[in-house]
Amino acid sequence: MRKLMIIALAAPAVILAGCATNNTMTHAAGGAAAGALAGAVIGNNTGSGDARQGAIIGAVVGGAAGAYAGCREDGGCRWNQNNQNHSQLYYDQRAGRYYYIDQRTGQTFWQNGEYRG
């Protein structure tokens, strides 16, 4: 039963990782899957033996770490003048926020590094 739960938690993240188009999303999905798997194993074998809680914590931590690693690999998470891959900042009047275009992929990101779409 627990193995089935672990597979059910990790499978969607692994499948979605293949659909991701940049390193930030790919690494986040992969990190979440690996974190959920490791967290479930650790949670099952320590403390109260709660694999579900361990999987959730592992997925959150793994996803955050993976997203950060992918973002650094893409040339930085935030816009700055020294990043060769980012365009100048543009202002989105509807959202009231600044965004830039990643020159390598053509994707747009908010100034704080979040994917804009």
Protein backbone atom coordinates (compact mmCIF):
# COMPACT_ATOMS: atom_id res chain seq x y z
CA MET A 1 0.00 0.00 0.00
CA ARG A 2 2.74 2.44 0.92
CA LYS A 3 4.72 1.66 -2.24
CA LEU A 4 1.64 2.38 -4.32
CA MET A 5 1.17 5.71 -2.53
CA ILE A 6 4.80 6.68 -3.11
CA ILE A 7 4.52 5.86 -6.81
CA ALA A 8 1.23 7.79 -7.05
CA LEU A 9 2.85 10.86 -5.51
CA ALA A 10 6.03 10.77 -7.60
CA ALA A 11 4.65 9.75 -11.01
CA PRO A 12 2.88 13.02 -11.95
CA ALA A 13 5.97 15.11 -11.21
CA VAL A 14 8.17 12.83 -13.30
CA ILE A 15 5.71 12.90 -16.21
CA LEU A 16 5.37 16.69 -16.07
CA ALA A 17 9.14 17.10 -15.99
CA GLY A 18 9.25 15.80 -19.55
CA CYS A 19 6.85 18.54 -20.68
CA ALA A 20 8.82 21.39 -19.13
CA THR A 21 10.54 23.77 -21.50
CA ASN A 22 13.21 25.33 -19.33
CA ASN A 23 15.64 24.18 -16.68
CA THR A 24 13.78 25.85 -13.82
CA MET A 25 10.58 23.89 -14.41
CA THR A 26 12.38 20.66 -15.32
CA HIS A 27 14.59 20.73 -12.24
CA ALA A 28 11.66 21.72 -9.99
CA ALA A 29 9.57 18.77 -11.14
CA GLY A 30 12.47 16.36 -10.88
CA GLY A 31 13.44 17.71 -7.46
CA ALA A 32 9.87 17.40 -6.22
CA ALA A 33 9.66 13.79 -7.42
CA ALA A 34 12.99 12.83 -5.89
CA GLY A 35 12.16 14.71 -2.68
CA ALA A 36 8.78 13.02 -2.38
CA LEU A 37 10.33 9.61 -2.83
CA ALA A 38 13.15 10.25 -0.36
CA GLY A 39 10.78 11.95 2.10
CA ALA A 40 8.36 9.02 2.00
CA VAL A 41 11.13 6.52 2.68
CA ILE A 42 12.61 8.61 5.51
CA GLY A 43 9.17 9.41 6.95
CA ASN A 44 8.22 5.74 6.92
CA ASN A 45 11.39 4.66 8.70
CA THR A 46 11.65 7.39 11.36
CA GLY A 47 9.47 9.04 13.98
CA SER A 48 5.82 8.05 13.81
CA GLY A 49 6.27 6.18 10.51
CA ASP A 50 4.15 8.64 8.50
CA ALA A 51 5.24 8.21 4.86
CA ARG A 52 2.63 10.67 3.55
CA GLN A 53 3.87 13.58 5.66
CA GLY A 54 7.49 12.79 4.73
CA ALA A 55 6.58 12.70 1.04
CA ILE A 56 4.86 16.09 1.23
CA ILE A 57 7.77 17.73 3.05
CA GLY A 58 10.27 16.09 0.71
CA ALA A 59 8.36 17.23 -2.38
CA VAL A 60 8.26 20.84 -1.21
CA VAL A 61 11.93 20.96 -0.27
CA GLY A 62 13.04 19.02 -3.37
CA GLY A 63 10.93 21.18 -5.68
CA ALA A 64 12.29 24.41 -4.25
CA ALA A 65 15.88 23.19 -4.42
CA GLY A 66 15.39 21.91 -7.97
CA ALA A 67 13.81 25.16 -9.14
CA TYR A 68 16.67 27.17 -7.69
CA ALA A 69 19.28 24.92 -9.30
CA GLY A 70 17.54 25.12 -12.68
CA CYS A 71 17.17 28.87 -12.42
CA ARG A 72 20.88 29.26 -11.73
CA GLU A 73 21.63 26.99 -14.69
CA ASP A 74 19.47 29.22 -16.92
CA GLY A 75 21.68 32.18 -16.07
CA GLY A 76 20.09 33.60 -12.96
CA CYS A 77 16.71 33.82 -11.36
CA ARG A 78 16.28 37.55 -11.42
CA TRP A 79 16.74 40.15 -14.07
CA ASN A 80 20.01 42.08 -13.95
CA GLN A 81 21.94 44.11 -16.46
CA ASN A 82 24.85 41.64 -16.60
CA ASN A 83 22.77 38.63 -17.61
CA GLN A 84 23.36 38.04 -21.32
CA ASN A 85 20.19 35.92 -21.70
CA HIS A 86 17.68 38.53 -20.55
CA SER A 87 16.20 41.34 -22.60
CA GLN A 88 15.52 44.80 -21.30
CA LEU A 89 12.60 45.14 -18.90
CA TYR A 90 9.12 45.74 -20.29
CA TYR A 91 6.12 47.00 -18.34
CA ASP A 92 2.87 45.03 -18.35
CA GLN A 93 0.16 47.65 -17.72
CA ARG A 94 -2.55 45.07 -17.04
CA ALA A 95 -0.52 43.35 -14.31
CA GLY A 96 1.32 46.48 -13.16
CA ARG A 97 4.63 44.59 -13.18
CA TYR A 98 7.87 44.51 -15.13
CA TYR A 99 8.95 41.48 -17.16
CA TYR A 100 11.80 40.41 -19.40
CA ILE A 101 12.21 37.98 -22.29
CA ASP A 102 14.72 35.14 -22.13
CA GLN A 103 16.67 35.55 -25.39
CA ARG A 104 17.55 31.84 -25.63
CA THR A 105 14.04 30.43 -25.26
CA GLY A 106 11.74 33.35 -26.05
CA GLN A 107 9.84 32.79 -22.79
CA THR A 108 8.81 35.69 -20.60
CA PHE A 109 9.47 36.02 -16.88
CA TRP A 110 8.49 38.57 -14.26
CA GLN A 111 11.29 40.72 -12.88
CA ASN A 112 11.54 38.52 -9.77
CA GLY A 113 12.19 35.43 -11.94
CA GLU A 114 8.71 33.85 -11.83
CA TYR A 115 7.50 32.35 -15.10
CA ARG A 116 5.11 34.79 -16.81
CA GLY A 117 3.73 32.52 -19.52
